[in-house]
C-alpha atoms as a PDB file:
ATOM      1  CA  UNK A   1      89.850 -49.727 -41.298  1.00  0.00           C
ATOM      2  CA  UNK A   2      90.672 -46.593 -43.805  1.00  0.00           C
ATOM      3  CA  UNK A   3      92.138 -43.906 -41.700  1.00  0.00           C
ATOM      4  CA  UNK A   4      90.373 -40.254 -42.738  1.00  0.00           C
ATOM      5  CA  UNK A   5      93.092 -38.226 -44.169  1.00  0.00           C
ATOM      6  CA  UNK A   6      90.800 -36.001 -46.641  1.00  0.00           C
ATOM      7  CA  UNK A   7      87.054 -34.559 -46.204  1.00  0.00           C
ATOM      8  CA  UNK A   8      85.440 -37.300 -47.815  1.00  0.00           C
ATOM      9  CA  UNK A   9      87.121 -39.847 -46.339  1.00  0.00           C
ATOM     10  CA  UNK A  10      86.144 -38.345 -42.690  1.00  0.00           C
ATOM     11  CA  UNK A  11      82.381 -38.395 -44.215  1.00  0.00           C
ATOM     12  CA  UNK A  12      82.394 -42.307 -45.284  1.00  0.00           C
ATOM     13  CA  UNK A  13      83.905 -42.726 -41.594  1.00  0.00           C
ATOM     14  CA  UNK A  14      81.124 -41.066 -39.939  1.00  0.00           C
ATOM     15  CA  UNK A  15      78.384 -42.321 -42.092  1.00  0.00           C
ATOM     16  CA  UNK A  16      80.118 -46.107 -41.669  1.00  0.00           C
ATOM     17  CA  UNK A  17      79.728 -45.155 -37.534  1.00  0.00           C
ATOM     18  CA  UNK A  18      75.760 -44.404 -37.822  1.00  0.00           C
ATOM     19  CA  UNK A  19      75.479 -47.932 -39.762  1.00  0.00           C
ATOM     20  CA  UNK A  20      75.725 -46.965 -43.130  1.00  0.00           C
ATOM     21  CA  UNK A  21      75.431 -49.106 -45.599  1.00  0.00           C
ATOM     22  CA  UNK A  22      73.091 -51.225 -43.257  1.00  0.00           C
ATOM     23  CA  UNK A  23      71.061 -48.228 -42.463  1.00  0.00           C
ATOM     24  CA  UNK A  24      70.056 -45.844 -44.857  1.00  0.00           C
ATOM     25  CA  UNK A  25      71.555 -42.456 -43.402  1.00  0.00           C
ATOM     26  CA  UNK A  26      68.588 -39.602 -44.311  1.00  0.00           C
ATOM     27  CA  UNK A  27      70.851 -37.008 -44.593  1.00  0.00           C
ATOM     28  CA  UNK A  28      72.259 -35.030 -47.467  1.00  0.00           C
ATOM     29  CA  UNK A  29      75.679 -34.750 -48.976  1.00  0.00           C
ATOM     30  CA  UNK A  30      75.463 -31.176 -48.161  1.00  0.00           C
ATOM     31  CA  UNK A  31      74.674 -31.098 -45.006  1.00  0.00           C
ATOM     32  CA  UNK A  32      76.958 -33.333 -44.018  1.00  0.00           C
ATOM     33  CA  UNK A  33      79.682 -31.437 -45.639  1.00  0.00           C
ATOM     34  CA  UNK A  34      77.986 -28.301 -43.010  1.00  0.00           C
ATOM     35  CA  UNK A  35      78.485 -30.654 -40.205  1.00  0.00           C
ATOM     36  CA  UNK A  36      82.016 -31.436 -41.036  1.00  0.00           C
ATOM     37  CA  UNK A  37      82.798 -27.908 -41.426  1.00  0.00           C
ATOM     38  CA  UNK A  38      80.888 -27.159 -38.186  1.00  0.00           C
ATOM     39  CA  UNK A  39      82.834 -29.895 -36.808  1.00  0.00           C
ATOM     40  CA  UNK A  40      86.663 -28.320 -38.173  1.00  0.00           C
ATOM     41  CA  UNK A  41      85.420 -24.476 -37.114  1.00  0.00           C
ATOM     42  CA  UNK A  42      84.553 -25.740 -33.573  1.00  0.00           C
ATOM     43  CA  UNK A  43      88.026 -28.459 -33.128  1.00  0.00           C
ATOM     44  CA  UNK A  44      90.138 -25.417 -34.055  1.00  0.00           C
ATOM     45  CA  UNK A  45      88.114 -22.903 -32.167  1.00  0.00           C
ATOM     46  CA  UNK A  46      88.881 -24.651 -29.203  1.00  0.00           C
ATOM     47  CA  UNK A  47      91.043 -28.018 -29.038  1.00  0.00           C
ATOM     48  CA  UNK A  48      94.593 -27.085 -28.576  1.00  0.00           C
ATOM     49  CA  UNK A  49      95.873 -29.442 -31.759  1.00  0.00           C
ATOM     50  CA  UNK A  50      93.149 -27.178 -33.958  1.00  0.00           C
ATOM     51  CA  UNK A  51      95.966 -24.437 -33.414  1.00  0.00           C
ATOM     52  CA  UNK A  52      99.387 -23.732 -33.363  1.00  0.00           C
ATOM     53  CA  UNK A  53     101.662 -20.687 -32.357  1.00  0.00           C
ATOM     54  CA  UNK A  54     103.300 -18.944 -34.780  1.00  0.00           C
ATOM     55  CA  UNK A  55     105.539 -16.044 -35.396  1.00  0.00           C
ATOM     56  CA  UNK A  56     104.301 -13.150 -38.566  1.00  0.00           C
ATOM     57  CA  UNK A  57     107.055 -11.114 -40.065  1.00  0.00           C
ATOM     58  CA  UNK A  58     105.899  -7.891 -41.556  1.00  0.00           C
ATOM     59  CA  UNK A  59     107.646  -5.341 -43.856  1.00  0.00           C
ATOM     60  CA  UNK A  60     106.522  -2.080 -42.993  1.00  0.00           C
ATOM     61  CA  UNK A  61     106.205   0.652 -46.419  1.00  0.00           C
ATOM     62  CA  UNK A  62     105.696   4.088 -47.181  1.00  0.00           C
ATOM     63  CA  UNK A  63     102.068   3.331 -48.037  1.00  0.00           C
ATOM     64  CA  UNK A  64     101.206   1.805 -44.667  1.00  0.00           C
ATOM     65  CA  UNK A  65     103.168   5.086 -42.326  1.00  0.00           C
ATOM     66  CA  UNK A  66     100.883   7.076 -44.860  1.00  0.00           C
ATOM     67  CA  UNK A  67      97.981   5.532 -44.017  1.00  0.00           C
ATOM     68  CA  UNK A  68      98.498   4.777 -40.382  1.00  0.00           C
ATOM     69  CA  UNK A  69      99.001   8.585 -40.067  1.00  0.00           C
ATOM     70  CA  UNK A  70      95.716   9.593 -42.223  1.00  0.00           C
ATOM     71  CA  UNK A  71      92.720   9.579 -40.210  1.00  0.00           C
ATOM     72  CA  UNK A  72      89.022   8.771 -42.156  1.00  0.00           C
ATOM     73  CA  UNK A  73      86.042  11.087 -41.586  1.00  0.00           C
ATOM     74  CA  UNK A  74      82.220  10.020 -41.115  1.00  0.00           C
ATOM     75  CA  UNK A  75      79.454  12.536 -40.456  1.00  0.00           C
ATOM     76  CA  UNK A  76      76.532  11.488 -38.651  1.00  0.00           C
ATOM     77  CA  UNK A  77      72.929  13.614 -38.553  1.00  0.00           C
ATOM     78  CA  UNK A  78      70.010  13.384 -36.446  1.00  0.00           C
ATOM     79  CA  UNK A  79      67.297  16.114 -36.420  1.00  0.00           C
ATOM     80  CA  UNK A  80      69.014  18.970 -36.536  1.00  0.00           C
ATOM     81  CA  UNK A  81      72.565  18.288 -35.047  1.00  0.00           C
ATOM     82  CA  UNK A  82      75.090  16.668 -37.378  1.00  0.00           C
ATOM     83  CA  UNK A  83      78.699  15.530 -35.656  1.00  0.00           C
ATOM     84  CA  UNK A  84      81.719  14.542 -37.948  1.00  0.00           C
ATOM     85  CA  UNK A  85      83.852  11.953 -36.198  1.00  0.00           C
ATOM     86  CA  UNK A  86      87.492  11.088 -37.263  1.00  0.00           C
ATOM     87  CA  UNK A  87      88.961   7.296 -36.908  1.00  0.00           C
ATOM     88  CA  UNK A  88      92.325   6.225 -37.231  1.00  0.00           C
ATOM     89  CA  UNK A  89      93.768   3.640 -39.908  1.00  0.00           C
ATOM     90  CA  UNK A  90      96.099   2.498 -37.272  1.00  0.00           C
ATOM     91  CA  UNK A  91      95.750  -1.369 -38.284  1.00  0.00           C
ATOM     92  CA  UNK A  92      97.172  -4.314 -40.443  1.00  0.00           C
ATOM     93  CA  UNK A  93      95.348  -6.811 -41.932  1.00  0.00           C
ATOM     94  CA  UNK A  94      96.224 -10.373 -40.834  1.00  0.00           C
ATOM     95  CA  UNK A  95      95.155 -13.609 -42.155  1.00  0.00           C
ATOM     96  CA  UNK A  96      91.760 -15.019 -42.106  1.00  0.00           C
ATOM     97  CA  UNK A  97      93.718 -18.317 -40.256  1.00  0.00           C
ATOM     98  CA  UNK A  98      94.878 -15.997 -37.272  1.00  0.00           C
ATOM     99  CA  UNK A  99      92.617 -16.167 -34.356  1.00  0.00           C
ATOM    100  CA  UNK A 100      94.481 -14.267 -31.767  1.00  0.00           C
ATOM    101  CA  UNK A 101      97.458 -12.335 -31.321  1.00  0.00           C
ATOM    102  CA  UNK A 102      99.564 -12.778 -28.186  1.00  0.00           C
ATOM    103  CA  UNK A 103     102.095 -10.146 -28.251  1.00  0.00           C
ATOM    104  CA  UNK A 104     103.757  -7.422 -31.211  1.00  0.00           C
ATOM    105  CA  UNK A 105     107.448  -7.769 -30.389  1.00  0.00           C
ATOM    106  CA  UNK A 106     109.246  -4.012 -29.144  1.00  0.00           C
ATOM    107  CA  UNK A 107     110.225  -2.201 -31.795  1.00  0.00           C
ATOM    108  CA  UNK A 108     113.373  -1.153 -31.057  1.00  0.00           C
ATOM    109  CA  UNK A 109     116.297  -3.441 -32.087  1.00  0.00           C
ATOM    110  CA  UNK A 110     117.590  -4.591 -28.818  1.00  0.00           C
ATOM    111  CA  UNK A 111     119.684  -7.944 -30.143  1.00  0.00           C
ATOM    112  CA  UNK A 112     122.322  -4.973 -31.892  1.00  0.00           C
ATOM    113  CA  UNK A 113     123.581  -3.581 -29.142  1.00  0.00           C
ATOM    114  CA  UNK A 114     126.519  -0.883 -29.236  1.00  0.00           C
ATOM    115  CA  UNK A 115     129.932  -0.340 -27.079  1.00  0.00           C
ATOM    116  CA  UNK A 116     127.709   2.648 -25.097  1.00  0.00           C
ATOM    117  CA  UNK A 117     124.782   0.488 -24.006  1.00  0.00           C
ATOM    118  CA  UNK A 118     124.521  -0.549 -20.110  1.00  0.00           C
ATOM    119  CA  UNK A 119     124.209  -4.266 -21.160  1.00  0.00           C
ATOM    120  CA  UNK A 120     126.828  -4.260 -22.973  1.00  0.00           C
ATOM    121  CA  UNK A 121     128.854  -2.663 -20.390  1.00  0.00           C
ATOM    122  CA  UNK A 122     128.058  -5.192 -18.308  1.00  0.00           C
ATOM    123  CA  UNK A 123     128.967  -8.055 -19.770  1.00  0.00           C
ATOM    124  CA  UNK A 124     132.235  -6.695 -21.050  1.00  0.00           C
ATOM    125  CA  UNK A 125     133.392  -5.428 -17.200  1.00  0.00           C
ATOM    126  CA  UNK A 126     131.886  -7.828 -14.980  1.00  0.00           C
ATOM    127  CA  UNK A 127     131.085 -11.238 -17.085  1.00  0.00           C
ATOM    128  CA  UNK A 128     134.196 -11.731 -18.848  1.00  0.00           C
ATOM    129  CA  UNK A 129     134.328 -15.464 -16.680  1.00  0.00           C
ATOM    130  CA  UNK A 130     131.478 -16.228 -15.696  1.00  0.00           C
ATOM    131  CA  UNK A 131     133.461 -18.894 -13.529  1.00  0.00           C
ATOM    132  CA  UNK A 132     134.377 -16.359 -10.921  1.00  0.00           C
ATOM    133  CA  UNK A 133     131.320 -14.049 -11.677  1.00  0.00           C
ATOM    134  CA  UNK A 134     127.776 -14.837 -10.207  1.00  0.00           C
ATOM    135  CA  UNK A 135     125.065 -14.652 -12.632  1.00  0.00           C
ATOM    136  CA  UNK A 136     122.356 -13.888  -9.995  1.00  0.00           C
ATOM    137  CA  UNK A 137     123.749 -10.138  -9.960  1.00  0.00           C
ATOM    138  CA  UNK A 138     123.299 -10.448 -14.205  1.00  0.00           C
ATOM    139  CA  UNK A 139     119.757 -11.614 -13.794  1.00  0.00           C
ATOM    140  CA  UNK A 140     118.760  -9.229 -11.343  1.00  0.00           C
ATOM    141  CA  UNK A 141     120.097  -6.169 -13.053  1.00  0.00           C
ATOM    142  CA  UNK A 142     118.614  -7.687 -16.779  1.00  0.00           C
ATOM    143  CA  UNK A 143     115.037  -7.864 -14.487  1.00  0.00           C
ATOM    144  CA  UNK A 144     115.521  -4.003 -13.538  1.00  0.00           C
ATOM    145  CA  UNK A 145     116.526  -2.683 -16.717  1.00  0.00           C
ATOM    146  CA  UNK A 146     113.326  -4.442 -18.418  1.00  0.00           C
ATOM    147  CA  UNK A 147     111.017  -2.872 -15.711  1.00  0.00           C
ATOM    148  CA  UNK A 148     112.901   0.501 -16.274  1.00  0.00           C
ATOM    149  CA  UNK A 149     112.171   0.451 -19.798  1.00  0.00           C
ATOM    150  CA  UNK A 150     108.875  -0.920 -19.250  1.00  0.00           C
ATOM    151  CA  UNK A 151     107.483   2.081 -17.060  1.00  0.00           C
ATOM    152  CA  UNK A 152     109.908   4.607 -18.992  1.00  0.00           C
ATOM    153  CA  UNK A 153     109.257   3.515 -22.366  1.00  0.00           C
ATOM    154  CA  UNK A 154     105.867   0.897 -21.828  1.00  0.00           C
ATOM    155  CA  UNK A 155     104.128  -1.767 -24.523  1.00  0.00           C
ATOM    156  CA  UNK A 156     102.763  -0.580 -27.762  1.00  0.00           C
ATOM    157  CA  UNK A 157      99.130  -0.913 -26.947  1.00  0.00           C
ATOM    158  CA  UNK A 158      96.864  -3.390 -29.488  1.00  0.00           C
ATOM    159  CA  UNK A 159      93.450  -4.460 -30.095  1.00  0.00           C
ATOM    160  CA  UNK A 160      92.687  -7.389 -32.501  1.00  0.00           C
ATOM    161  CA  UNK A 161      89.112  -9.131 -33.166  1.00  0.00           C
ATOM    162  CA  UNK A 162      89.823 -12.145 -35.619  1.00  0.00           C
ATOM    163  CA  UNK A 163      86.129 -11.522 -37.221  1.00  0.00           C
ATOM    164  CA  UNK A 164      87.232  -8.482 -38.871  1.00  0.00           C
ATOM    165  CA  UNK A 165      91.080  -9.691 -39.441  1.00  0.00           C
ATOM    166  CA  UNK A 166      92.000  -6.012 -38.230  1.00  0.00           C
ATOM    167  CA  UNK A 167      94.995  -5.768 -35.598  1.00  0.00           C
ATOM    168  CA  UNK A 168      95.201  -2.045 -34.386  1.00  0.00           C
ATOM    169  CA  UNK A 169      98.696  -1.245 -32.963  1.00  0.00           C
ATOM    170  CA  UNK A 170      98.037   2.258 -31.109  1.00  0.00           C
ATOM    171  CA  UNK A 171     101.263   4.678 -31.576  1.00  0.00           C
ATOM    172  CA  UNK A 172     102.863   7.236 -33.259  1.00  0.00           C
ATOM    173  CA  UNK A 173     103.454   5.472 -36.770  1.00  0.00           C
ATOM    174  CA  UNK A 174     105.231   8.940 -37.552  1.00  0.00           C
ATOM    175  CA  UNK A 175     107.644   8.555 -35.382  1.00  0.00           C
ATOM    176  CA  UNK A 176     107.734   5.011 -33.650  1.00  0.00           C
ATOM    177  CA  UNK A 177     108.446   3.281 -37.106  1.00  0.00           C
ATOM    178  CA  UNK A 178     109.822   4.181 -40.283  1.00  0.00           C
ATOM    179  CA  UNK A 179     109.343   2.125 -43.982  1.00  0.00           C
ATOM    180  CA  UNK A 180     111.545  -0.696 -44.368  1.00  0.00           C
ATOM    181  CA  UNK A 181     111.378  -1.804 -40.674  1.00  0.00           C
ATOM    182  CA  UNK A 182     109.841  -5.360 -39.506  1.00  0.00           C
ATOM    183  CA  UNK A 183     106.752  -5.965 -37.268  1.00  0.00           C
ATOM    184  CA  UNK A 184     107.022  -9.492 -35.349  1.00  0.00           C
ATOM    185  CA  UNK A 185     103.493 -10.996 -33.672  1.00  0.00           C
ATOM    186  CA  UNK A 186     103.274 -14.027 -31.737  1.00  0.00           C
ATOM    187  CA  UNK A 187      99.981 -15.246 -32.572  1.00  0.00           C
ATOM    188  CA  UNK A 188      97.554 -18.444 -32.487  1.00  0.00           C
ATOM    189  CA  UNK A 189      97.058 -19.311 -36.412  1.00  0.00           C
ATOM    190  CA  UNK A 190      94.305 -22.279 -37.295  1.00  0.00           C
ATOM    191  CA  UNK A 191      95.451 -25.386 -38.614  1.00  0.00           C
ATOM    192  CA  UNK A 192      93.987 -25.955 -42.300  1.00  0.00           C
ATOM    193  CA  UNK A 193      92.930 -29.774 -42.527  1.00  0.00           C
ATOM    194  CA  UNK A 194      93.589 -30.106 -46.083  1.00  0.00           C
ATOM    195  CA  UNK A 195      97.341 -28.954 -45.332  1.00  0.00           C
ATOM    196  CA  UNK A 196      97.480 -30.913 -42.024  1.00  0.00           C
ATOM    197  CA  UNK A 197      95.976 -34.308 -42.710  1.00  0.00           C
ATOM    198  CA  UNK A 198      96.191 -35.860 -39.178  1.00  0.00           C
ATOM    199  CA  UNK A 199      93.355 -33.976 -38.031  1.00  0.00           C
ATOM    200  CA  UNK A 200      91.017 -35.600 -40.180  1.00  0.00           C
ATOM    201  CA  UNK A 201      91.815 -38.598 -37.899  1.00  0.00           C
ATOM    202  CA  UNK A 202      91.757 -36.930 -34.631  1.00  0.00           C
ATOM    203  CA  UNK A 203      89.559 -39.022 -32.399  1.00  0.00           C
ATOM    204  CA  UNK A 204      87.718 -35.918 -30.801  1.00  0.00           C
ATOM    205  CA  UNK A 205      87.080 -34.731 -34.160  1.00  0.00           C
ATOM    206  CA  UNK A 206      85.851 -38.389 -35.560  1.00  0.00           C
ATOM    207  CA  UNK A 207      83.474 -38.478 -32.573  1.00  0.00           C
ATOM    208  CA  UNK A 208      82.718 -34.822 -32.970  1.00  0.00           C
ATOM    209  CA  UNK A 209      81.717 -34.818 -36.642  1.00  0.00           C
ATOM    210  CA  UNK A 210      79.628 -38.422 -35.970  1.00  0.00           C
ATOM    211  CA  UNK A 211      77.232 -36.484 -32.957  1.00  0.00           C
ATOM    212  CA  UNK A 212      76.309 -33.475 -35.718  1.00  0.00           C
ATOM    213  CA  UNK A 213      75.945 -35.655 -38.456  1.00  0.00           C
ATOM    214  CA  UNK A 214      73.594 -38.023 -35.897  1.00  0.00           C
ATOM    215  CA  UNK A 215      71.966 -34.990 -34.674  1.00  0.00           C
ATOM    216  CA  UNK A 216      71.283 -33.643 -38.098  1.00  0.00           C
ATOM    217  CA  UNK A 217      69.667 -37.337 -38.945  1.00  0.00           C
ATOM    218  CA  UNK A 218      67.712 -36.484 -36.024  1.00  0.00           C
ATOM    219  CA  UNK A 219      66.451 -33.352 -36.875  1.00  0.00           C
ATOM    220  CA  UNK A 220      65.690 -34.433 -40.548  1.00  0.00           C
ATOM    221  CA  UNK A 221      63.067 -37.618 -39.100  1.00  0.00           C
ATOM    222  CA  UNK A 222      61.687 -35.363 -36.669  1.00  0.00           C
ATOM    223  CA  UNK A 223      58.837 -34.045 -39.009  1.00  0.00           C
ATOM    224  CA  UNK A 224      58.010 -37.608 -39.596  1.00  0.00           C
ATOM    225  CA  UNK A 225      57.910 -38.218 -36.254  1.00  0.00           C
ATOM    226  CA  UNK A 226      55.664 -41.923 -35.645  1.00  0.00           C
ATOM    227  CA  UNK A 227      55.291 -42.175 -39.396  1.00  0.00           C
ATOM    228  CA  UNK A 228      54.946 -46.171 -39.659  1.00  0.00           C
ATOM    229  CA  UNK A 229      57.532 -47.984 -41.758  1.00  0.00           C
ATOM    230  CA  UNK A 230      56.956 -51.514 -44.013  1.00  0.00           C
ATOM    231  CA  UNK A 231      57.943 -54.425 -41.167  1.00  0.00           C
ATOM    232  CA  UNK A 232      55.970 -51.964 -38.524  1.00  0.00           C
ATOM    233  CA  UNK A 233      59.319 -50.143 -37.712  1.00  0.00           C
ATOM    234  CA  UNK A 234      58.314 -46.241 -36.698  1.00  0.00           C
ATOM    235  CA  UNK A 235      60.372 -43.340 -37.047  1.00  0.00           C
ATOM    236  CA  UNK A 236      61.760 -41.692 -33.826  1.00  0.00           C
ATOM    237  CA  UNK A 237      63.408 -38.542 -34.903  1.00  0.00           C
ATOM    238  CA  UNK A 238      63.245 -36.667 -31.811  1.00  0.00           C
ATOM    239  CA  UNK A 239      64.798 -39.254 -29.716  1.00  0.00           C
ATOM    240  CA  UNK A 240      67.518 -39.136 -32.264  1.00  0.00           C
ATOM    241  CA  UNK A 241      67.919 -36.212 -31.993  1.00  0.00           C
ATOM    242  CA  UNK A 242      68.002 -35.959 -28.570  1.00  0.00           C
ATOM    243  CA  UNK A 243      70.764 -38.562 -28.057  1.00  0.00           C
ATOM    244  CA  UNK A 244      72.892 -36.764 -30.566  1.00  0.00           C
ATOM    245  CA  UNK A 245      72.547 -33.976 -28.889  1.00  0.00           C
ATOM    246  CA  UNK A 246      73.954 -35.517 -25.203  1.00  0.00           C
ATOM    247  CA  UNK A 247      76.349 -37.210 -27.028  1.00  0.00           C
ATOM    248  CA  UNK A 248      77.846 -33.132 -28.596  1.00  0.00           C
ATOM    249  CA  UNK A 249      77.133 -31.536 -25.358  1.00  0.00           C
ATOM    250  CA  UNK A 250      79.468 -34.331 -23.587  1.00  0.00           C
ATOM    251  CA  UNK A 251      82.281 -33.828 -26.093  1.00  0.00           C
ATOM    252  CA  UNK A 252      82.325 -30.234 -26.268  1.00  0.00           C
ATOM    253  CA  UNK A 253      82.381 -30.434 -22.162  1.00  0.00           C
ATOM    254  CA  UNK A 254      85.814 -33.098 -22.628  1.00  0.00           C
ATOM    255  CA  UNK A 255      87.201 -30.996 -24.939  1.00  0.00           C
ATOM    256  CA  UNK A 256      86.752 -27.558 -23.313  1.00  0.00           C
ATOM    257  CA  UNK A 257      87.751 -29.239 -19.904  1.00  0.00           C
ATOM    258  CA  UNK A 258      90.877 -31.312 -21.143  1.00  0.00           C
ATOM    259  CA  UNK A 259      92.227 -29.346 -24.466  1.00  0.00           C
ATOM    260  CA  UNK A 260      91.009 -26.137 -24.641  1.00  0.00           C
ATOM    261  CA  UNK A 261      94.214 -23.366 -24.630  1.00  0.00           C
ATOM    262  CA  UNK A 262      94.195 -20.428 -21.844  1.00  0.00           C
ATOM    263  CA  UNK A 263      92.345 -17.627 -23.306  1.00  0.00           C
ATOM    264  CA  UNK A 264      95.021 -15.727 -25.303  1.00  0.00           C
ATOM    265  CA  UNK A 265      95.746 -12.041 -24.776  1.00  0.00           C
ATOM    266  CA  UNK A 266      93.967 -10.458 -27.984  1.00  0.00           C
ATOM    267  CA  UNK A 267      91.117 -12.971 -28.787  1.00  0.00           C
ATOM    268  CA  UNK A 268      88.439 -11.791 -31.130  1.00  0.00           C
END
C-alpha cells in the first residue's frame, strides 16, 4: 500500500478506497481537490495534530509606534445627522496560519534583575544555601509578588480574530513600549501539510477525505437517481449521499470528542 505523502497521492488513496479503478467514480478532479482542501481545513481546525503551539517574536519599529498612536476617522450620515467616529490602529498583522493567540508575554523584562530588585535580594540573602532554607517560603513570596504585579500593573488586554489576522493589544503604545523592543506571542498555528507530509497519512484525515469525496459522488449522482444502466443497474445517488453524510458526522464526532484542543484564549 502506497503511503500518502502529497495531495495527489492522498487523492488516489481515497479514490481507490471508493472503488477505483474497478468502479468509475463520477467526481471531477477539481471537486476532489476541493474536498481535500475542506478536509485539511477541518482537520487543522479541530484535531490536535493539525496545529502546533508556537512562540512568535516581533520587533517593534518606529513606524509601528507612530501608527499605533494614530486614529483613523470615519463619518456616518443618516438623514440630517452626521456623526464622526475614530478608531485606533493598535493592531499587528499576524501570519494567516495563526488560528489563536494564547498570550502576549509581559512587556517588562523580568529576567534582567538588578541588585535593588526585591527578588534579587531575596535570592542573595535567603537562598544562598537551599540545603538549609525551605523553598516553600520562596515559592509563597514569589506568588505574592506575582499577585501584586497582577493587581497593580495588570496584563495588557488583547483581541484577536483569525479571519482578519489582526491582533489588537490595548495599551499606551507611546509609553508602555519603545521601538527596538520585542513582543513575544504564544500562539497556535495550523500545520502546512506540504511541509509536514505525515499529515496526509493521518488515519482520520484519510477517512474524512474519503467520506467527503463519497458525499460529492452521491451529490453528483442525485440528479440521475433511478436511471437504469446497462445490465439492469439503477443509480441511487441519494442513498450514497446519505451514507456519506452519516460517515462524515461520525468522524467529526470522534475527532471533536477525542482529539479537539480546549478552547484557546483568543480564538477567532
